[in-house]
N, C-alpha and C. Protein backbone atom coordinates (compact mmCIF):
# COMPACT_ATOMS: atom_id res chain seq x y z
N MET A 1 10.29 21.68 0.24
CA MET A 1 9.77 20.45 -0.29
C MET A 1 9.08 20.72 -1.63
N GLN A 2 9.42 19.93 -2.64
CA GLN A 2 8.84 20.09 -3.96
C GLN A 2 7.46 19.42 -4.03
N PRO A 3 6.53 20.00 -4.78
CA PRO A 3 5.23 19.35 -4.95
C PRO A 3 5.41 18.01 -5.68
N THR A 4 4.55 17.08 -5.37
CA THR A 4 4.61 15.77 -6.02
C THR A 4 4.08 15.87 -7.46
N LEU A 5 4.26 14.81 -8.20
CA LEU A 5 3.79 14.73 -9.57
C LEU A 5 2.29 15.03 -9.67
N PHE A 6 1.49 14.40 -8.82
CA PHE A 6 0.05 14.60 -8.89
C PHE A 6 -0.37 15.94 -8.30
N GLN A 7 0.37 16.47 -7.36
CA GLN A 7 0.08 17.82 -6.86
C GLN A 7 0.30 18.83 -7.99
N ARG A 8 1.36 18.66 -8.77
CA ARG A 8 1.62 19.57 -9.89
C ARG A 8 0.56 19.40 -10.98
N ALA A 9 0.16 18.16 -11.25
CA ALA A 9 -0.82 17.91 -12.31
C ALA A 9 -2.20 18.45 -11.97
N LEU A 10 -2.59 18.37 -10.69
CA LEU A 10 -3.95 18.73 -10.29
C LEU A 10 -4.06 20.11 -9.65
N GLY A 11 -2.95 20.68 -9.22
CA GLY A 11 -2.99 21.99 -8.58
C GLY A 11 -3.78 21.96 -7.28
N ALA A 12 -4.50 23.03 -7.01
CA ALA A 12 -5.23 23.16 -5.75
C ALA A 12 -6.28 22.08 -5.57
N ALA A 13 -6.81 21.52 -6.65
CA ALA A 13 -7.83 20.47 -6.56
C ALA A 13 -7.30 19.23 -5.84
N PHE A 14 -5.98 19.03 -5.89
CA PHE A 14 -5.38 17.88 -5.21
C PHE A 14 -5.75 17.87 -3.72
N PHE A 15 -5.76 19.04 -3.11
CA PHE A 15 -5.95 19.16 -1.66
C PHE A 15 -7.41 18.98 -1.24
N ARG A 16 -8.32 18.86 -2.21
CA ARG A 16 -9.73 18.59 -1.92
C ARG A 16 -10.08 17.12 -2.11
N LEU A 17 -9.09 16.31 -2.48
CA LEU A 17 -9.33 14.87 -2.69
C LEU A 17 -9.48 14.15 -1.36
N PRO A 18 -10.11 12.98 -1.37
CA PRO A 18 -10.19 12.17 -0.14
C PRO A 18 -8.81 11.77 0.36
N ASP A 19 -8.74 11.47 1.66
CA ASP A 19 -7.46 11.16 2.32
C ASP A 19 -6.64 10.09 1.61
N SER A 20 -7.27 8.98 1.21
CA SER A 20 -6.50 7.87 0.65
C SER A 20 -5.81 8.26 -0.66
N LEU A 21 -6.43 9.11 -1.47
CA LEU A 21 -5.81 9.56 -2.72
C LEU A 21 -4.67 10.53 -2.42
N ARG A 22 -4.91 11.45 -1.47
CA ARG A 22 -3.84 12.40 -1.13
C ARG A 22 -2.65 11.69 -0.50
N GLN A 23 -2.90 10.66 0.29
CA GLN A 23 -1.79 9.93 0.90
C GLN A 23 -0.98 9.17 -0.16
N LEU A 24 -1.64 8.48 -1.07
CA LEU A 24 -0.93 7.71 -2.08
C LEU A 24 -0.14 8.62 -3.03
N HIS A 25 -0.72 9.77 -3.40
CA HIS A 25 -0.09 10.67 -4.37
C HIS A 25 0.62 11.85 -3.72
N GLY A 26 0.68 11.89 -2.39
CA GLY A 26 1.29 13.01 -1.68
C GLY A 26 2.77 12.82 -1.43
N PRO A 27 3.37 13.71 -0.63
CA PRO A 27 4.81 13.69 -0.38
C PRO A 27 5.31 12.39 0.23
N ASN A 28 4.48 11.71 1.00
CA ASN A 28 4.90 10.44 1.59
C ASN A 28 4.27 9.26 0.88
N GLY A 29 3.80 9.48 -0.35
CA GLY A 29 3.06 8.46 -1.08
C GLY A 29 3.89 7.37 -1.70
N GLY A 30 5.15 7.66 -1.98
CA GLY A 30 5.99 6.59 -2.52
C GLY A 30 6.05 5.45 -1.54
N GLY A 31 6.36 4.29 -2.01
CA GLY A 31 6.47 3.15 -1.13
C GLY A 31 5.71 1.97 -1.66
N ARG A 32 5.38 1.07 -0.75
CA ARG A 32 4.75 -0.19 -1.14
C ARG A 32 3.29 -0.24 -0.67
N TYR A 33 2.47 -0.81 -1.55
CA TYR A 33 1.05 -0.95 -1.29
C TYR A 33 0.63 -2.38 -1.62
N ALA A 34 -0.42 -2.83 -0.97
CA ALA A 34 -0.94 -4.17 -1.23
C ALA A 34 -2.45 -4.10 -1.30
N GLY A 35 -3.04 -4.98 -2.09
CA GLY A 35 -4.48 -5.01 -2.22
C GLY A 35 -4.92 -6.16 -3.08
N MET A 36 -6.09 -5.99 -3.67
CA MET A 36 -6.70 -7.02 -4.51
C MET A 36 -7.25 -6.34 -5.76
N ALA A 37 -7.32 -7.12 -6.84
CA ALA A 37 -7.88 -6.62 -8.09
C ALA A 37 -8.63 -7.74 -8.80
N THR A 38 -9.56 -7.33 -9.62
CA THR A 38 -10.21 -8.24 -10.56
C THR A 38 -9.83 -7.76 -11.94
N VAL A 39 -9.34 -8.68 -12.76
CA VAL A 39 -8.85 -8.34 -14.09
C VAL A 39 -9.66 -9.12 -15.12
N GLU A 40 -10.23 -8.39 -16.09
CA GLU A 40 -10.93 -9.00 -17.22
C GLU A 40 -10.15 -8.65 -18.48
N ARG A 41 -10.00 -9.61 -19.37
CA ARG A 41 -9.27 -9.38 -20.62
C ARG A 41 -10.17 -9.66 -21.82
N GLY A 42 -9.93 -8.94 -22.90
CA GLY A 42 -10.63 -9.20 -24.15
C GLY A 42 -10.18 -10.54 -24.73
N SER A 43 -11.03 -11.14 -25.53
CA SER A 43 -10.72 -12.48 -26.03
C SER A 43 -10.32 -12.51 -27.50
N GLY A 44 -10.54 -11.45 -28.24
CA GLY A 44 -10.18 -11.43 -29.65
C GLY A 44 -8.67 -11.44 -29.87
N LEU A 45 -8.25 -11.91 -31.02
CA LEU A 45 -6.83 -12.02 -31.33
C LEU A 45 -6.13 -10.66 -31.26
N LEU A 46 -6.72 -9.62 -31.88
CA LEU A 46 -6.10 -8.30 -31.86
C LEU A 46 -6.06 -7.73 -30.44
N ALA A 47 -7.11 -7.96 -29.66
CA ALA A 47 -7.14 -7.49 -28.27
C ALA A 47 -6.03 -8.17 -27.47
N ARG A 48 -5.88 -9.47 -27.64
CA ARG A 48 -4.83 -10.20 -26.92
C ARG A 48 -3.45 -9.73 -27.33
N LEU A 49 -3.25 -9.47 -28.61
CA LEU A 49 -1.95 -8.99 -29.10
C LEU A 49 -1.63 -7.61 -28.53
N CYS A 50 -2.59 -6.70 -28.55
CA CYS A 50 -2.37 -5.35 -28.00
C CYS A 50 -2.09 -5.42 -26.50
N ALA A 51 -2.84 -6.24 -25.78
CA ALA A 51 -2.64 -6.37 -24.32
C ALA A 51 -1.26 -6.95 -24.03
N TRP A 52 -0.83 -7.93 -24.82
CA TRP A 52 0.51 -8.51 -24.65
C TRP A 52 1.59 -7.44 -24.89
N ALA A 53 1.44 -6.66 -25.97
CA ALA A 53 2.44 -5.63 -26.32
C ALA A 53 2.53 -4.57 -25.22
N ALA A 54 1.40 -4.25 -24.59
CA ALA A 54 1.39 -3.23 -23.53
C ALA A 54 1.81 -3.81 -22.18
N GLY A 55 1.98 -5.12 -22.10
CA GLY A 55 2.38 -5.74 -20.84
C GLY A 55 1.28 -5.75 -19.80
N LEU A 56 0.04 -5.97 -20.25
CA LEU A 56 -1.10 -5.95 -19.34
C LEU A 56 -1.28 -7.31 -18.66
N PRO A 57 -1.80 -7.31 -17.43
CA PRO A 57 -1.91 -8.57 -16.66
C PRO A 57 -2.97 -9.51 -17.21
N LYS A 58 -2.87 -10.75 -16.79
CA LYS A 58 -3.80 -11.80 -17.18
C LYS A 58 -5.10 -11.66 -16.38
N ALA A 59 -6.15 -12.28 -16.90
CA ALA A 59 -7.45 -12.22 -16.25
C ALA A 59 -7.44 -13.01 -14.93
N GLY A 60 -8.24 -12.56 -13.98
CA GLY A 60 -8.39 -13.27 -12.72
C GLY A 60 -9.27 -12.50 -11.76
N ARG A 61 -9.89 -13.23 -10.84
CA ARG A 61 -10.72 -12.61 -9.80
C ARG A 61 -9.97 -12.65 -8.48
N ASP A 62 -10.12 -11.60 -7.70
CA ASP A 62 -9.47 -11.51 -6.39
C ASP A 62 -7.97 -11.82 -6.50
N VAL A 63 -7.33 -11.14 -7.44
CA VAL A 63 -5.90 -11.30 -7.68
C VAL A 63 -5.12 -10.48 -6.66
N PRO A 64 -4.21 -11.07 -5.89
CA PRO A 64 -3.37 -10.28 -4.99
C PRO A 64 -2.53 -9.29 -5.81
N LEU A 65 -2.50 -8.06 -5.34
CA LEU A 65 -1.81 -7.00 -6.06
C LEU A 65 -0.83 -6.30 -5.11
N ALA A 66 0.41 -6.18 -5.56
CA ALA A 66 1.42 -5.40 -4.84
C ALA A 66 1.88 -4.29 -5.77
N VAL A 67 2.00 -3.09 -5.25
CA VAL A 67 2.44 -1.94 -6.04
C VAL A 67 3.54 -1.23 -5.27
N GLU A 68 4.62 -0.93 -5.98
CA GLU A 68 5.68 -0.10 -5.42
C GLU A 68 5.79 1.15 -6.27
N ILE A 69 5.72 2.30 -5.63
CA ILE A 69 5.84 3.58 -6.31
C ILE A 69 7.17 4.19 -5.94
N VAL A 70 8.01 4.41 -6.95
CA VAL A 70 9.33 4.99 -6.74
C VAL A 70 9.33 6.37 -7.38
N ALA A 71 9.43 7.41 -6.55
CA ALA A 71 9.41 8.79 -7.03
C ALA A 71 10.83 9.34 -7.09
N ASP A 72 11.08 10.14 -8.12
CA ASP A 72 12.33 10.88 -8.23
C ASP A 72 12.02 12.27 -8.76
N ALA A 73 13.03 13.06 -9.01
CA ALA A 73 12.82 14.45 -9.43
C ALA A 73 12.10 14.55 -10.77
N ARG A 74 12.17 13.51 -11.60
CA ARG A 74 11.58 13.58 -12.94
C ARG A 74 10.22 12.91 -13.06
N GLY A 75 9.80 12.16 -12.04
CA GLY A 75 8.50 11.50 -12.13
C GLY A 75 8.39 10.33 -11.19
N GLU A 76 7.60 9.35 -11.60
CA GLU A 76 7.37 8.17 -10.77
C GLU A 76 7.43 6.91 -11.64
N THR A 77 7.93 5.85 -11.04
CA THR A 77 7.87 4.53 -11.66
C THR A 77 6.92 3.70 -10.82
N TRP A 78 5.94 3.08 -11.47
CA TRP A 78 4.97 2.23 -10.80
C TRP A 78 5.29 0.79 -11.16
N LEU A 79 5.64 -0.01 -10.15
CA LEU A 79 5.94 -1.43 -10.32
C LEU A 79 4.76 -2.20 -9.75
N ARG A 80 3.94 -2.78 -10.62
CA ARG A 80 2.75 -3.51 -10.19
C ARG A 80 3.02 -5.00 -10.31
N ASP A 81 2.55 -5.75 -9.35
CA ASP A 81 2.69 -7.21 -9.38
C ASP A 81 1.32 -7.82 -9.13
N PHE A 82 0.72 -8.35 -10.20
CA PHE A 82 -0.57 -9.01 -10.13
C PHE A 82 -0.30 -10.50 -9.96
N ALA A 83 -0.19 -10.97 -8.73
CA ALA A 83 0.04 -12.40 -8.43
C ALA A 83 1.18 -12.97 -9.27
N GLY A 84 2.30 -12.26 -9.33
CA GLY A 84 3.47 -12.75 -10.05
C GLY A 84 3.63 -12.18 -11.45
N PHE A 85 2.61 -11.52 -11.99
CA PHE A 85 2.72 -10.87 -13.30
C PHE A 85 3.09 -9.42 -13.09
N ARG A 86 4.27 -9.03 -13.55
CA ARG A 86 4.76 -7.66 -13.33
C ARG A 86 4.35 -6.74 -14.48
N MET A 87 3.86 -5.56 -14.10
CA MET A 87 3.48 -4.52 -15.06
C MET A 87 4.14 -3.23 -14.58
N VAL A 88 4.98 -2.66 -15.41
CA VAL A 88 5.74 -1.48 -15.03
C VAL A 88 5.37 -0.32 -15.94
N SER A 89 5.20 0.86 -15.36
CA SER A 89 5.00 2.06 -16.17
C SER A 89 5.74 3.23 -15.53
N ARG A 90 6.08 4.18 -16.36
CA ARG A 90 6.78 5.39 -15.92
C ARG A 90 5.86 6.57 -16.14
N LEU A 91 5.71 7.43 -15.12
CA LEU A 91 4.86 8.62 -15.20
C LEU A 91 5.70 9.88 -15.03
N ALA A 92 5.35 10.89 -15.80
CA ALA A 92 6.02 12.19 -15.71
C ALA A 92 5.01 13.25 -16.13
N LEU A 93 5.35 14.51 -15.88
CA LEU A 93 4.48 15.62 -16.25
C LEU A 93 5.19 16.46 -17.30
N LYS A 94 4.49 16.74 -18.38
CA LYS A 94 5.04 17.60 -19.43
C LYS A 94 3.92 18.45 -20.00
N ASP A 95 4.14 19.75 -20.04
CA ASP A 95 3.16 20.69 -20.58
C ASP A 95 1.79 20.54 -19.92
N GLY A 96 1.78 20.26 -18.62
CA GLY A 96 0.54 20.15 -17.87
C GLY A 96 -0.19 18.82 -18.03
N LEU A 97 0.36 17.90 -18.82
CA LEU A 97 -0.28 16.61 -19.03
C LEU A 97 0.55 15.51 -18.37
N LEU A 98 -0.14 14.56 -17.80
CA LEU A 98 0.54 13.40 -17.22
C LEU A 98 0.88 12.46 -18.37
N GLN A 99 2.13 12.05 -18.43
CA GLN A 99 2.55 11.09 -19.44
C GLN A 99 2.82 9.76 -18.77
N GLU A 100 2.39 8.70 -19.44
CA GLU A 100 2.64 7.35 -18.93
C GLU A 100 3.18 6.50 -20.07
N TRP A 101 4.33 5.91 -19.83
CA TRP A 101 4.92 4.98 -20.79
C TRP A 101 4.48 3.59 -20.38
N LEU A 102 3.78 2.93 -21.28
CA LEU A 102 3.27 1.58 -21.02
C LEU A 102 3.57 0.75 -22.26
N GLY A 103 4.51 -0.16 -22.15
CA GLY A 103 4.95 -0.91 -23.32
C GLY A 103 5.50 0.06 -24.35
N PRO A 104 5.13 -0.11 -25.62
CA PRO A 104 5.67 0.77 -26.67
C PRO A 104 4.92 2.08 -26.85
N VAL A 105 3.93 2.34 -25.99
CA VAL A 105 3.09 3.54 -26.16
C VAL A 105 3.32 4.52 -25.02
N ARG A 106 3.46 5.79 -25.40
CA ARG A 106 3.52 6.87 -24.42
C ARG A 106 2.19 7.61 -24.50
N PHE A 107 1.42 7.50 -23.43
CA PHE A 107 0.12 8.17 -23.36
C PHE A 107 0.29 9.55 -22.74
N ARG A 108 -0.56 10.49 -23.15
CA ARG A 108 -0.67 11.79 -22.50
C ARG A 108 -2.09 11.89 -21.97
N PHE A 109 -2.21 12.17 -20.67
CA PHE A 109 -3.51 12.22 -20.00
C PHE A 109 -3.78 13.61 -19.43
N VAL A 110 -5.03 14.02 -19.54
CA VAL A 110 -5.54 15.15 -18.78
C VAL A 110 -6.10 14.55 -17.49
N LEU A 111 -5.68 15.09 -16.36
CA LEU A 111 -6.21 14.64 -15.07
C LEU A 111 -7.17 15.69 -14.54
N VAL A 112 -8.31 15.23 -14.06
CA VAL A 112 -9.31 16.12 -13.48
C VAL A 112 -9.75 15.54 -12.15
N ALA A 113 -9.70 16.37 -11.11
CA ALA A 113 -10.22 15.98 -9.80
C ALA A 113 -11.64 16.51 -9.71
N ASN A 114 -12.60 15.59 -9.56
CA ASN A 114 -13.99 15.99 -9.53
C ASN A 114 -14.78 14.99 -8.69
N ASP A 115 -15.63 15.50 -7.82
CA ASP A 115 -16.52 14.66 -7.03
C ASP A 115 -15.75 13.59 -6.24
N GLY A 116 -14.59 13.98 -5.68
CA GLY A 116 -13.82 13.08 -4.84
C GLY A 116 -13.03 12.02 -5.58
N ALA A 117 -12.86 12.18 -6.89
CA ALA A 117 -12.14 11.19 -7.69
C ALA A 117 -11.17 11.89 -8.62
N ILE A 118 -10.19 11.13 -9.10
CA ILE A 118 -9.30 11.59 -10.17
C ILE A 118 -9.71 10.84 -11.42
N TRP A 119 -10.03 11.58 -12.46
CA TRP A 119 -10.42 11.02 -13.75
C TRP A 119 -9.29 11.25 -14.75
N TRP A 120 -8.91 10.21 -15.45
CA TRP A 120 -7.86 10.28 -16.47
C TRP A 120 -8.51 10.21 -17.85
N THR A 121 -8.18 11.15 -18.73
CA THR A 121 -8.68 11.15 -20.10
C THR A 121 -7.49 11.23 -21.05
N VAL A 122 -7.45 10.37 -22.05
CA VAL A 122 -6.35 10.36 -23.01
C VAL A 122 -6.43 11.60 -23.89
N ALA A 123 -5.33 12.37 -23.92
CA ALA A 123 -5.24 13.55 -24.76
C ALA A 123 -4.40 13.28 -26.01
N GLY A 124 -3.74 12.15 -26.06
CA GLY A 124 -2.92 11.77 -27.21
C GLY A 124 -1.99 10.65 -26.83
N ALA A 125 -1.32 10.12 -27.82
CA ALA A 125 -0.39 9.02 -27.58
C ALA A 125 0.63 8.98 -28.71
N ARG A 126 1.75 8.33 -28.42
CA ARG A 126 2.78 8.12 -29.43
C ARG A 126 3.27 6.69 -29.32
N LEU A 127 3.37 6.05 -30.47
CA LEU A 127 3.90 4.70 -30.54
C LEU A 127 5.41 4.79 -30.71
N PHE A 128 6.15 4.06 -29.90
CA PHE A 128 7.62 4.07 -29.91
C PHE A 128 8.20 5.46 -29.71
N GLY A 129 7.41 6.37 -29.11
CA GLY A 129 7.89 7.70 -28.78
C GLY A 129 7.83 8.72 -29.90
N PHE A 130 7.57 8.29 -31.15
CA PHE A 130 7.59 9.27 -32.23
C PHE A 130 6.43 9.15 -33.23
N VAL A 131 5.71 8.06 -33.28
CA VAL A 131 4.58 7.92 -34.20
C VAL A 131 3.32 8.40 -33.49
N PRO A 132 2.78 9.58 -33.90
CA PRO A 132 1.60 10.11 -33.20
C PRO A 132 0.37 9.25 -33.47
N LEU A 133 -0.42 9.06 -32.41
CA LEU A 133 -1.69 8.34 -32.49
C LEU A 133 -2.79 9.28 -32.04
N SER A 134 -3.88 9.30 -32.77
CA SER A 134 -4.98 10.20 -32.45
C SER A 134 -5.62 9.84 -31.11
N ALA A 135 -5.94 10.86 -30.35
CA ALA A 135 -6.61 10.65 -29.06
C ALA A 135 -7.95 9.95 -29.26
N SER A 136 -8.59 10.15 -30.41
CA SER A 136 -9.90 9.52 -30.66
C SER A 136 -9.81 8.00 -30.69
N LEU A 137 -8.63 7.44 -30.97
CA LEU A 137 -8.45 5.99 -30.92
C LEU A 137 -8.64 5.46 -29.50
N PHE A 138 -8.47 6.35 -28.52
CA PHE A 138 -8.48 5.95 -27.12
C PHE A 138 -9.70 6.48 -26.37
N ASP A 139 -10.78 6.77 -27.11
CA ASP A 139 -12.02 7.21 -26.45
C ASP A 139 -12.56 6.16 -25.50
N GLY A 140 -12.20 4.90 -25.72
CA GLY A 140 -12.66 3.81 -24.86
C GLY A 140 -11.74 3.52 -23.69
N VAL A 141 -10.79 4.41 -23.43
CA VAL A 141 -9.89 4.25 -22.29
C VAL A 141 -10.40 5.15 -21.18
N ARG A 142 -10.72 4.52 -20.04
CA ARG A 142 -11.26 5.26 -18.91
C ARG A 142 -10.53 4.84 -17.64
N CYS A 143 -10.12 5.81 -16.87
CA CYS A 143 -9.44 5.54 -15.61
C CYS A 143 -10.05 6.43 -14.53
N ARG A 144 -10.23 5.83 -13.37
CA ARG A 144 -10.77 6.60 -12.24
C ARG A 144 -10.12 6.09 -10.96
N GLU A 145 -9.71 7.03 -10.12
CA GLU A 145 -9.20 6.73 -8.78
C GLU A 145 -10.17 7.37 -7.80
N TYR A 146 -10.51 6.66 -6.75
CA TYR A 146 -11.49 7.17 -5.79
C TYR A 146 -11.28 6.49 -4.45
N GLN A 147 -12.04 6.90 -3.46
CA GLN A 147 -11.96 6.31 -2.13
C GLN A 147 -13.28 5.61 -1.81
N GLU A 148 -13.15 4.40 -1.26
CA GLU A 148 -14.31 3.66 -0.79
C GLU A 148 -13.91 2.91 0.46
N ASP A 149 -14.72 3.01 1.51
CA ASP A 149 -14.40 2.37 2.79
C ASP A 149 -13.01 2.76 3.28
N ASP A 150 -12.66 4.03 3.14
CA ASP A 150 -11.37 4.59 3.54
C ASP A 150 -10.18 3.98 2.80
N ARG A 151 -10.43 3.30 1.70
CA ARG A 151 -9.36 2.70 0.89
C ARG A 151 -9.21 3.43 -0.43
N TYR A 152 -7.98 3.45 -0.93
CA TYR A 152 -7.70 3.91 -2.29
C TYR A 152 -8.23 2.84 -3.24
N CYS A 153 -9.07 3.24 -4.19
CA CYS A 153 -9.64 2.31 -5.16
C CYS A 153 -9.38 2.82 -6.58
N PHE A 154 -9.41 1.91 -7.54
CA PHE A 154 -9.13 2.27 -8.92
C PHE A 154 -9.97 1.42 -9.86
N GLU A 155 -10.23 1.98 -11.04
CA GLU A 155 -10.88 1.29 -12.14
C GLU A 155 -10.19 1.73 -13.41
N VAL A 156 -9.76 0.79 -14.22
CA VAL A 156 -9.12 1.08 -15.50
C VAL A 156 -9.80 0.21 -16.55
N GLU A 157 -10.20 0.84 -17.65
CA GLU A 157 -10.83 0.10 -18.75
C GLU A 157 -10.25 0.60 -20.06
N ALA A 158 -9.92 -0.33 -20.95
CA ALA A 158 -9.38 0.04 -22.26
C ALA A 158 -10.07 -0.78 -23.34
N THR A 159 -10.76 -0.07 -24.22
CA THR A 159 -11.40 -0.65 -25.40
C THR A 159 -10.90 0.15 -26.59
N LEU A 160 -10.47 -0.56 -27.63
CA LEU A 160 -9.93 0.11 -28.82
C LEU A 160 -10.76 -0.25 -30.05
N PRO A 161 -10.81 0.69 -31.03
CA PRO A 161 -11.49 0.36 -32.28
C PRO A 161 -10.84 -0.89 -32.90
N LEU A 162 -11.63 -1.70 -33.51
CA LEU A 162 -11.23 -2.96 -34.17
C LEU A 162 -10.84 -4.05 -33.18
N ALA A 163 -10.12 -3.72 -32.12
CA ALA A 163 -9.65 -4.72 -31.16
C ALA A 163 -10.72 -5.06 -30.13
N GLY A 164 -11.58 -4.11 -29.81
CA GLY A 164 -12.57 -4.32 -28.77
C GLY A 164 -11.96 -4.15 -27.39
N LYS A 165 -12.54 -4.84 -26.41
CA LYS A 165 -12.05 -4.70 -25.03
C LYS A 165 -10.67 -5.34 -24.91
N LEU A 166 -9.70 -4.53 -24.44
CA LEU A 166 -8.36 -5.06 -24.12
C LEU A 166 -8.35 -5.57 -22.70
N ILE A 167 -8.81 -4.68 -21.80
CA ILE A 167 -8.71 -5.00 -20.38
C ILE A 167 -9.66 -4.14 -19.57
N ARG A 168 -10.04 -4.67 -18.44
CA ARG A 168 -10.70 -3.89 -17.40
C ARG A 168 -10.18 -4.45 -16.09
N TYR A 169 -9.61 -3.58 -15.28
CA TYR A 169 -9.20 -4.04 -13.96
C TYR A 169 -9.61 -3.01 -12.92
N ALA A 170 -9.99 -3.53 -11.77
CA ALA A 170 -10.47 -2.68 -10.69
C ALA A 170 -10.09 -3.34 -9.37
N GLY A 171 -9.90 -2.49 -8.36
CA GLY A 171 -9.56 -3.04 -7.06
C GLY A 171 -9.23 -1.95 -6.06
N TRP A 172 -8.46 -2.32 -5.06
CA TRP A 172 -8.11 -1.42 -3.98
C TRP A 172 -6.67 -1.65 -3.53
N LEU A 173 -6.13 -0.65 -2.87
CA LEU A 173 -4.78 -0.72 -2.30
C LEU A 173 -4.76 -0.06 -0.93
N GLU A 174 -3.90 -0.59 -0.06
CA GLU A 174 -3.59 0.02 1.23
C GLU A 174 -2.08 -0.02 1.38
N ARG A 175 -1.54 0.89 2.18
CA ARG A 175 -0.08 0.87 2.42
C ARG A 175 0.30 -0.48 3.01
N ALA A 176 1.33 -1.08 2.45
CA ALA A 176 1.79 -2.39 2.92
C ALA A 176 2.51 -2.21 4.25
N PRO A 177 2.35 -3.17 5.16
CA PRO A 177 3.06 -3.07 6.44
C PRO A 177 4.57 -3.14 6.24
N GLY A 178 5.27 -2.46 7.14
CA GLY A 178 6.74 -2.51 7.12
C GLY A 178 7.25 -1.48 6.26
């Protein structure tokens, strides 16, 4: 059995994570999940334009969330459905960094497992796959996965220079029945 994407990215630290994180990112982690999220969006014109280009969900409280994770030999595709709004991203590992394609931007993340959570830090990005973007542009991007009440939980926040807050979404997921 081959190690999963997150097992390869985190190494031995993966096995010290709480159960819900290891289950979602482990060998049997692919599949369907359901939960709830709260989504906040920036209101400025540039923030709205960037969020639209990245395919980010609309604002809402207690938004039903469905996630399907499809794993293959090259990575994972995450199909998120925020009450009918679909957000798709592709994840892969290259040179020890997790890469995520979101809209026209390919992000490179350093993943660190610490204090029972996975922390994502932007190490760089490319627009349209070839225009390099400085990691310092993304100092306001913060991602954390953790466990609360035996549930997989997440927090994602993105603030950019000039644009301000693009989005903040947080919530929980459990394996969907069936």
